[in-house]
Amino acid sequence: MFVTCFVFAGRFHRLGEPGWRWYSVAAAVAYLILGFASFPAGDFRLMLAGGIVVWSWASVVALRLLLTNCEPVRQPADQLAG
């Protein structure tokens, strides 16, 4: 799921939306930190908190995509080649 956050961060960067980009990066980083911190601490509530953060991000992004008229970001053919 955290990879999806980074994919959307790149998409928002190409669309010129820095707020959404940083929100995506922050959600991914929080998910990773909370997930990995839960094991040595033995407290899986941290993992639950990380899950809440990343799934809340996914819900907000999905809602944003539904409510706005977002077109897919297409790269020019010369950028794809090389």
PDB file of N, CA and C in Angstrom:
ATOM      1  N   MET A   1       0.818  -1.189   0.000  1.00  0.00           N
ATOM      2  CA  MET A   1       0.000   0.000   0.000  1.00  0.00           C
ATOM      3  C   MET A   1       0.868   1.261   0.000  1.00  0.00           C
ATOM      4  N   PHE A   2       1.994   1.192   0.691  1.00  0.00           N
ATOM      5  CA  PHE A   2       2.851   2.379   0.747  1.00  0.00           C
ATOM      6  C   PHE A   2       3.429   2.711  -0.622  1.00  0.00           C
ATOM      7  N   VAL A   3       3.616   1.704  -1.472  1.00  0.00           N
ATOM      8  CA  VAL A   3       4.108   1.965  -2.820  1.00  0.00           C
ATOM      9  C   VAL A   3       3.077   2.785  -3.597  1.00  0.00           C
ATOM     10  N   THR A   4       1.811   2.482  -3.395  1.00  0.00           N
ATOM     11  CA  THR A   4       0.739   3.237  -4.043  1.00  0.00           C
ATOM     12  C   THR A   4       0.791   4.702  -3.643  1.00  0.00           C
ATOM     13  N   CYS A   5       1.114   4.953  -2.391  1.00  0.00           N
ATOM     14  CA  CYS A   5       1.247   6.346  -1.934  1.00  0.00           C
ATOM     15  C   CYS A   5       2.325   7.068  -2.733  1.00  0.00           C
ATOM     16  N   PHE A   6       3.452   6.394  -2.967  1.00  0.00           N
ATOM     17  CA  PHE A   6       4.536   7.017  -3.721  1.00  0.00           C
ATOM     18  C   PHE A   6       4.184   7.178  -5.199  1.00  0.00           C
ATOM     19  N   VAL A   7       3.437   6.229  -5.755  1.00  0.00           N
ATOM     20  CA  VAL A   7       2.995   6.354  -7.144  1.00  0.00           C
ATOM     21  C   VAL A   7       2.090   7.575  -7.292  1.00  0.00           C
ATOM     22  N   PHE A   8       1.154   7.730  -6.373  1.00  0.00           N
ATOM     23  CA  PHE A   8       0.269   8.893  -6.433  1.00  0.00           C
ATOM     24  C   PHE A   8       1.017  10.179  -6.123  1.00  0.00           C
ATOM     25  N   ALA A   9       2.051  10.117  -5.292  1.00  0.00           N
ATOM     26  CA  ALA A   9       2.861  11.309  -5.037  1.00  0.00           C
ATOM     27  C   ALA A   9       3.503  11.793  -6.327  1.00  0.00           C
ATOM     28  N   GLY A  10       4.005  10.860  -7.127  1.00  0.00           N
ATOM     29  CA  GLY A  10       4.564  11.227  -8.428  1.00  0.00           C
ATOM     30  C   GLY A  10       3.511  11.803  -9.361  1.00  0.00           C
ATOM     31  N   ARG A  11       2.338  11.224  -9.328  1.00  0.00           N
ATOM     32  CA  ARG A  11       1.239  11.725 -10.167  1.00  0.00           C
ATOM     33  C   ARG A  11       0.860  13.145  -9.769  1.00  0.00           C
ATOM     34  N   PHE A  12       0.727  13.369  -8.459  1.00  0.00           N
ATOM     35  CA  PHE A  12       0.368  14.714  -7.995  1.00  0.00           C
ATOM     36  C   PHE A  12       1.474  15.718  -8.295  1.00  0.00           C
ATOM     37  N   HIS A  13       2.717  15.261  -8.271  1.00  0.00           N
ATOM     38  CA  HIS A  13       3.833  16.140  -8.626  1.00  0.00           C
ATOM     39  C   HIS A  13       3.721  16.571 -10.089  1.00  0.00           C
ATOM     40  N   ARG A  14       3.422  15.613 -10.978  1.00  0.00           N
ATOM     41  CA  ARG A  14       3.266  15.939 -12.399  1.00  0.00           C
ATOM     42  C   ARG A  14       2.067  16.848 -12.648  1.00  0.00           C
ATOM     43  N   LEU A  15       1.047  16.739 -11.805  1.00  0.00           N
ATOM     44  CA  LEU A  15      -0.133  17.591 -11.943  1.00  0.00           C
ATOM     45  C   LEU A  15       0.062  18.966 -11.304  1.00  0.00           C
ATOM     46  N   GLY A  16       1.189  19.169 -10.630  1.00  0.00           N
ATOM     47  CA  GLY A  16       1.465  20.450  -9.990  1.00  0.00           C
ATOM     48  C   GLY A  16       0.663  20.680  -8.718  1.00  0.00           C
ATOM     49  N   GLU A  17       0.460  19.622  -7.944  1.00  0.00           N
ATOM     50  CA  GLU A  17      -0.295  19.709  -6.691  1.00  0.00           C
ATOM     51  C   GLU A  17       0.606  19.287  -5.532  1.00  0.00           C
ATOM     52  N   PRO A  18       1.402  20.234  -5.016  1.00  0.00           N
ATOM     53  CA  PRO A  18       2.377  19.859  -3.980  1.00  0.00           C
ATOM     54  C   PRO A  18       1.743  19.422  -2.662  1.00  0.00           C
ATOM     55  N   GLY A  19       0.604  19.964  -2.311  1.00  0.00           N
ATOM     56  CA  GLY A  19      -0.047  19.565  -1.061  1.00  0.00           C
ATOM     57  C   GLY A  19      -0.432  18.099  -1.059  1.00  0.00           C
ATOM     58  N   TRP A  20      -1.029  17.661  -2.147  1.00  0.00           N
ATOM     59  CA  TRP A  20      -1.404  16.258  -2.262  1.00  0.00           C
ATOM     60  C   TRP A  20      -0.175  15.367  -2.357  1.00  0.00           C
ATOM     61  N   ARG A  21       0.879  15.862  -2.992  1.00  0.00           N
ATOM     62  CA  ARG A  21       2.114  15.084  -3.085  1.00  0.00           C
ATOM     63  C   ARG A  21       2.693  14.845  -1.698  1.00  0.00           C
ATOM     64  N   TRP A  22       2.800  15.896  -0.907  1.00  0.00           N
ATOM     65  CA  TRP A  22       3.377  15.742   0.426  1.00  0.00           C
ATOM     66  C   TRP A  22       2.486  14.920   1.343  1.00  0.00           C
ATOM     67  N   TYR A  23       1.185  15.024   1.177  1.00  0.00           N
ATOM     68  CA  TYR A  23       0.257  14.204   1.964  1.00  0.00           C
ATOM     69  C   TYR A  23       0.474  12.723   1.640  1.00  0.00           C
ATOM     70  N   SER A  24       0.674  12.420   0.367  1.00  0.00           N
ATOM     71  CA  SER A  24       0.906  11.035  -0.045  1.00  0.00           C
ATOM     72  C   SER A  24       2.216  10.502   0.522  1.00  0.00           C
ATOM     73  N   VAL A  25       3.259  11.300   0.436  1.00  0.00           N
ATOM     74  CA  VAL A  25       4.559  10.883   0.977  1.00  0.00           C
ATOM     75  C   VAL A  25       4.481  10.719   2.493  1.00  0.00           C
ATOM     76  N   ALA A  26       3.831  11.657   3.169  1.00  0.00           N
ATOM     77  CA  ALA A  26       3.715  11.589   4.633  1.00  0.00           C
ATOM     78  C   ALA A  26       2.928  10.356   5.066  1.00  0.00           C
ATOM     79  N   ALA A  27       1.877  10.012   4.338  1.00  0.00           N
ATOM     80  CA  ALA A  27       1.088   8.826   4.678  1.00  0.00           C
ATOM     81  C   ALA A  27       1.931   7.563   4.533  1.00  0.00           C
ATOM     82  N   ALA A  28       2.720   7.476   3.470  1.00  0.00           N
ATOM     83  CA  ALA A  28       3.568   6.301   3.259  1.00  0.00           C
ATOM     84  C   ALA A  28       4.630   6.187   4.344  1.00  0.00           C
ATOM     85  N   VAL A  29       5.273   7.295   4.660  1.00  0.00           N
ATOM     86  CA  VAL A  29       6.325   7.281   5.681  1.00  0.00           C
ATOM     87  C   VAL A  29       5.741   6.950   7.054  1.00  0.00           C
ATOM     88  N   ALA A  30       4.598   7.526   7.390  1.00  0.00           N
ATOM     89  CA  ALA A  30       3.958   7.233   8.682  1.00  0.00           C
ATOM     90  C   ALA A  30       3.581   5.755   8.770  1.00  0.00           C
ATOM     91  N   TYR A  31       3.073   5.218   7.673  1.00  0.00           N
ATOM     92  CA  TYR A  31       2.700   3.800   7.646  1.00  0.00           C
ATOM     93  C   TYR A  31       3.912   2.914   7.906  1.00  0.00           C
ATOM     94  N   LEU A  32       5.018   3.207   7.238  1.00  0.00           N
ATOM     95  CA  LEU A  32       6.227   2.405   7.421  1.00  0.00           C
ATOM     96  C   LEU A  32       6.793   2.538   8.826  1.00  0.00           C
ATOM     97  N   ILE A  33       6.874   3.758   9.316  1.00  0.00           N
ATOM     98  CA  ILE A  33       7.434   3.978  10.655  1.00  0.00           C
ATOM     99  C   ILE A  33       6.585   3.299  11.724  1.00  0.00           C
ATOM    100  N   LEU A  34       5.283   3.495  11.661  1.00  0.00           N
ATOM    101  CA  LEU A  34       4.409   2.890  12.674  1.00  0.00           C
ATOM    102  C   LEU A  34       4.399   1.364  12.561  1.00  0.00           C
ATOM    103  N   GLY A  35       4.429   0.869  11.324  1.00  0.00           N
ATOM    104  CA  GLY A  35       4.439  -0.580  11.150  1.00  0.00           C
ATOM    105  C   GLY A  35       5.693  -1.229  11.698  1.00  0.00           C
ATOM    106  N   PHE A  36       6.848  -0.652  11.382  1.00  0.00           N
ATOM    107  CA  PHE A  36       8.098  -1.226  11.871  1.00  0.00           C
ATOM    108  C   PHE A  36       8.311  -0.976  13.357  1.00  0.00           C
ATOM    109  N   ALA A  37       7.781   0.107  13.882  1.00  0.00           N
ATOM    110  CA  ALA A  37       7.934   0.400  15.311  1.00  0.00           C
ATOM    111  C   ALA A  37       7.096  -0.546  16.167  1.00  0.00           C
ATOM    112  N   SER A  38       6.067  -1.124  15.586  1.00  0.00           N
ATOM    113  CA  SER A  38       5.195  -1.990  16.382  1.00  0.00           C
ATOM    114  C   SER A  38       5.877  -3.298  16.780  1.00  0.00           C
ATOM    115  N   PHE A  39       6.810  -3.792  15.973  1.00  0.00           N
ATOM    116  CA  PHE A  39       7.426  -5.081  16.273  1.00  0.00           C
ATOM    117  C   PHE A  39       8.352  -5.027  17.488  1.00  0.00           C
ATOM    118  N   PRO A  40       9.335  -4.110  17.529  1.00  0.00           N
ATOM    119  CA  PRO A  40      10.188  -4.107  18.733  1.00  0.00           C
ATOM    120  C   PRO A  40       9.435  -3.671  19.982  1.00  0.00           C
ATOM    121  N   ALA A  41       8.428  -2.829  19.797  1.00  0.00           N
ATOM    122  CA  ALA A  41       7.671  -2.359  20.959  1.00  0.00           C
ATOM    123  C   ALA A  41       6.701  -3.427  21.449  1.00  0.00           C
ATOM    124  N   GLY A  42       6.366  -4.378  20.580  1.00  0.00           N
ATOM    125  CA  GLY A  42       5.407  -5.407  20.960  1.00  0.00           C
ATOM    126  C   GLY A  42       3.998  -4.857  21.118  1.00  0.00           C
ATOM    127  N   ASP A  43       3.762  -3.717  20.531  1.00  0.00           N
ATOM    128  CA  ASP A  43       2.463  -3.055  20.650  1.00  0.00           C
ATOM    129  C   ASP A  43       1.861  -2.909  19.256  1.00  0.00           C
ATOM    130  N   PHE A  44       0.938  -3.787  18.938  1.00  0.00           N
ATOM    131  CA  PHE A  44       0.385  -3.793  17.596  1.00  0.00           C
ATOM    132  C   PHE A  44      -0.662  -2.703  17.380  1.00  0.00           C
ATOM    133  N   ARG A  45      -0.906  -1.903  18.425  1.00  0.00           N
ATOM    134  CA  ARG A  45      -1.750  -0.728  18.223  1.00  0.00           C
ATOM    135  C   ARG A  45      -1.049   0.277  17.312  1.00  0.00           C
ATOM    136  N   LEU A  46       0.277   0.281  17.320  1.00  0.00           N
ATOM    137  CA  LEU A  46       1.023   1.137  16.394  1.00  0.00           C
ATOM    138  C   LEU A  46       0.788   0.711  14.950  1.00  0.00           C
ATOM    139  N   MET A  47       0.754  -0.601  14.714  1.00  0.00           N
ATOM    140  CA  MET A  47       0.474  -1.097  13.371  1.00  0.00           C
ATOM    141  C   MET A  47      -0.950  -0.737  12.959  1.00  0.00           C
ATOM    142  N   LEU A  48      -1.865  -0.816  13.886  1.00  0.00           N
ATOM    143  CA  LEU A  48      -3.245  -0.420  13.622  1.00  0.00           C
ATOM    144  C   LEU A  48      -3.313   1.064  13.260  1.00  0.00           C
ATOM    145  N   ALA A  49      -2.569   1.876  13.977  1.00  0.00           N
ATOM    146  CA  ALA A  49      -2.542   3.320  13.678  1.00  0.00           C
ATOM    147  C   ALA A  49      -1.971   3.565  12.287  1.00  0.00           C
ATOM    148  N   GLY A  50      -0.929   2.841  11.912  1.00  0.00           N
ATOM    149  CA  GLY A  50      -0.367   2.971  10.567  1.00  0.00           C
ATOM    150  C   GLY A  50      -1.366   2.569   9.503  1.00  0.00           C
ATOM    151  N   GLY A  51      -2.105   1.513   9.764  1.00  0.00           N
ATOM    152  CA  GLY A  51      -3.142   1.086   8.838  1.00  0.00           C
ATOM    153  C   GLY A  51      -4.243   2.113   8.693  1.00  0.00           C
ATOM    154  N   ILE A  52      -4.616   2.717   9.790  1.00  0.00           N
ATOM    155  CA  ILE A  52      -5.642   3.764   9.750  1.00  0.00           C
ATOM    156  C   ILE A  52      -5.154   4.950   8.926  1.00  0.00           C
ATOM    157  N   VAL A  53      -3.893   5.324   9.108  1.00  0.00           N
ATOM    158  CA  VAL A  53      -3.333   6.453   8.353  1.00  0.00           C
ATOM    159  C   VAL A  53      -3.365   6.182   6.860  1.00  0.00           C
ATOM    160  N   VAL A  54      -2.871   5.017   6.433  1.00  0.00           N
ATOM    161  CA  VAL A  54      -2.747   4.756   5.005  1.00  0.00           C
ATOM    162  C   VAL A  54      -4.109   4.479   4.358  1.00  0.00           C
ATOM    163  N   TRP A  55      -5.002   3.821   5.061  1.00  0.00           N
ATOM    164  CA  TRP A  55      -6.322   3.579   4.480  1.00  0.00           C
ATOM    165  C   TRP A  55      -7.171   4.841   4.480  1.00  0.00           C
ATOM    166  N   SER A  56      -6.950   5.734   5.431  1.00  0.00           N
ATOM    167  CA  SER A  56      -7.621   7.044   5.383  1.00  0.00           C
ATOM    168  C   SER A  56      -7.133   7.836   4.182  1.00  0.00           C
ATOM    169  N   TRP A  57      -5.824   7.780   3.940  1.00  0.00           N
ATOM    170  CA  TRP A  57      -5.262   8.440   2.755  1.00  0.00           C
ATOM    171  C   TRP A  57      -5.912   7.891   1.496  1.00  0.00           C
ATOM    172  N   ALA A  58      -6.014   6.561   1.397  1.00  0.00           N
ATOM    173  CA  ALA A  58      -6.601   5.937   0.207  1.00  0.00           C
ATOM    174  C   ALA A  58      -8.048   6.376   0.017  1.00  0.00           C
ATOM    175  N   SER A  59      -8.780   6.488   1.100  1.00  0.00           N
ATOM    176  CA  SER A  59     -10.181   6.913   1.010  1.00  0.00           C
ATOM    177  C   SER A  59     -10.300   8.357   0.543  1.00  0.00           C
ATOM    178  N   VAL A  60      -9.453   9.227   1.076  1.00  0.00           N
ATOM    179  CA  VAL A  60      -9.500  10.638   0.699  1.00  0.00           C
ATOM    180  C   VAL A  60      -9.085  10.822  -0.758  1.00  0.00           C
ATOM    181  N   VAL A  61      -8.066  10.113  -1.190  1.00  0.00           N
ATOM    182  CA  VAL A  61      -7.633  10.218  -2.584  1.00  0.00           C
ATOM    183  C   VAL A  61      -8.712   9.681  -3.520  1.00  0.00           C
ATOM    184  N   ALA A  62      -9.326   8.564  -3.150  1.00  0.00           N
ATOM    185  CA  ALA A  62     -10.401   8.011  -3.982  1.00  0.00           C
ATOM    186  C   ALA A  62     -11.567   8.993  -4.073  1.00  0.00           C
ATOM    187  N   LEU A  63     -11.918   9.608  -2.964  1.00  0.00           N
ATOM    188  CA  LEU A  63     -13.000  10.592  -2.966  1.00  0.00           C
ATOM    189  C   LEU A  63     -12.639  11.788  -3.827  1.00  0.00           C
ATOM    190  N   ARG A  64     -11.404  12.231  -3.738  1.00  0.00           N
ATOM    191  CA  ARG A  64     -10.956  13.350  -4.561  1.00  0.00           C
ATOM    192  C   ARG A  64     -11.049  13.017  -6.040  1.00  0.00           C
ATOM    193  N   LEU A  65     -10.628  11.810  -6.410  1.00  0.00           N
ATOM    194  CA  LEU A  65     -10.685  11.404  -7.813  1.00  0.00           C
ATOM    195  C   LEU A  65     -12.122  11.274  -8.305  1.00  0.00           C
ATOM    196  N   LEU A  66     -13.018  10.864  -7.434  1.00  0.00           N
ATOM    197  CA  LEU A  66     -14.419  10.757  -7.824  1.00  0.00           C
ATOM    198  C   LEU A  66     -15.089  12.120  -7.991  1.00  0.00           C
ATOM    199  N   LEU A  67     -14.716  13.067  -7.140  1.00  0.00           N
ATOM    200  CA  LEU A  67     -15.385  14.367  -7.139  1.00  0.00           C
ATOM    201  C   LEU A  67     -14.798  15.367  -8.130  1.00  0.00           C
ATOM    202  N   THR A  68     -13.569  15.128  -8.573  1.00  0.00           N
ATOM    203  CA  THR A  68     -12.973  16.017  -9.558  1.00  0.00           C
ATOM    204  C   THR A  68     -12.978  15.332 -10.908  1.00  0.00           C
ATOM    205  N   ASN A  69     -12.842  16.114 -11.913  1.00  0.00           N
ATOM    206  CA  ASN A  69     -12.835  15.576 -13.260  1.00  0.00           C
ATOM    207  C   ASN A  69     -11.392  15.318 -13.670  1.00  0.00           C
ATOM    208  N   CYS A  70     -10.781  14.304 -13.075  1.00  0.00           N
ATOM    209  CA  CYS A  70      -9.372  14.012 -13.325  1.00  0.00           C
ATOM    210  C   CYS A  70      -9.214  13.173 -14.578  1.00  0.00           C
ATOM    211  N   GLU A  71      -8.368  13.645 -15.443  1.00  0.00           N
ATOM    212  CA  GLU A  71      -7.992  12.893 -16.631  1.00  0.00           C
ATOM    213  C   GLU A  71      -6.681  12.176 -16.329  1.00  0.00           C
ATOM    214  N   PRO A  72      -6.454  11.020 -16.946  1.00  0.00           N
ATOM    215  CA  PRO A  72      -5.177  10.337 -16.726  1.00  0.00           C
ATOM    216  C   PRO A  72      -4.006  11.191 -17.207  1.00  0.00           C
ATOM    217  N   VAL A  73      -2.902  11.103 -16.504  1.00  0.00           N
ATOM    218  CA  VAL A  73      -1.702  11.833 -16.893  1.00  0.00           C
ATOM    219  C   VAL A  73      -1.025  11.034 -17.984  1.00  0.00           C
ATOM    220  N   ARG A  74      -0.879  11.649 -19.127  1.00  0.00           N
ATOM    221  CA  ARG A  74      -0.245  10.965 -20.259  1.00  0.00           C
ATOM    222  C   ARG A  74       1.104  11.629 -20.533  1.00  0.00           C
ATOM    223  N   GLN A  75       2.112  10.774 -20.719  1.00  0.00           N
ATOM    224  CA  GLN A  75       3.443  11.285 -21.032  1.00  0.00           C
ATOM    225  C   GLN A  75       3.604  11.309 -22.546  1.00  0.00           C
ATOM    226  N   PRO A  76       4.310  12.307 -23.050  1.00  0.00           N
ATOM    227  CA  PRO A  76       4.604  12.305 -24.483  1.00  0.00           C
ATOM    228  C   PRO A  76       5.412  11.073 -24.871  1.00  0.00           C
ATOM    229  N   ALA A  77       5.268  10.650 -26.110  1.00  0.00           N
ATOM    230  CA  ALA A  77       5.929   9.424 -26.576  1.00  0.00           C
ATOM    231  C   ALA A  77       7.455   9.513 -26.492  1.00  0.00           C
ATOM    232  N   ASP A  78       8.018  10.717 -26.654  1.00  0.00           N
ATOM    233  CA  ASP A  78       9.480  10.837 -26.593  1.00  0.00           C
ATOM    234  C   ASP A  78      10.000  10.624 -25.186  1.00  0.00           C
ATOM    235  N   GLN A  79       9.199  10.890 -24.155  1.00  0.00           N
ATOM    236  CA  GLN A  79       9.635  10.633 -22.773  1.00  0.00           C
ATOM    237  C   GLN A  79       9.570   9.148 -22.455  1.00  0.00           C
ATOM    238  N   LEU A  80       8.637   8.428 -23.047  1.00  0.00           N
ATOM    239  CA  LEU A  80       8.518   7.004 -22.779  1.00  0.00           C
ATOM    240  C   LEU A  80       9.667   6.212 -23.381  1.00  0.00           C
ATOM    241  N   ALA A  81      10.196   6.675 -24.485  1.00  0.00           N
ATOM    242  CA  ALA A  81      11.244   5.943 -25.179  1.00  0.00           C
ATOM    243  C   ALA A  81      12.594   6.030 -24.473  1.00  0.00           C
ATOM    244  N   GLY A  82      12.800   7.073 -23.725  1.00  0.00           N
ATOM    245  CA  GLY A  82      14.116   7.080 -23.230  1.00  0.00           C
ATOM    246  C   GLY A  82      14.559   7.941 -22.193  1.00  0.00           C
TER     247      GLY A  82
END
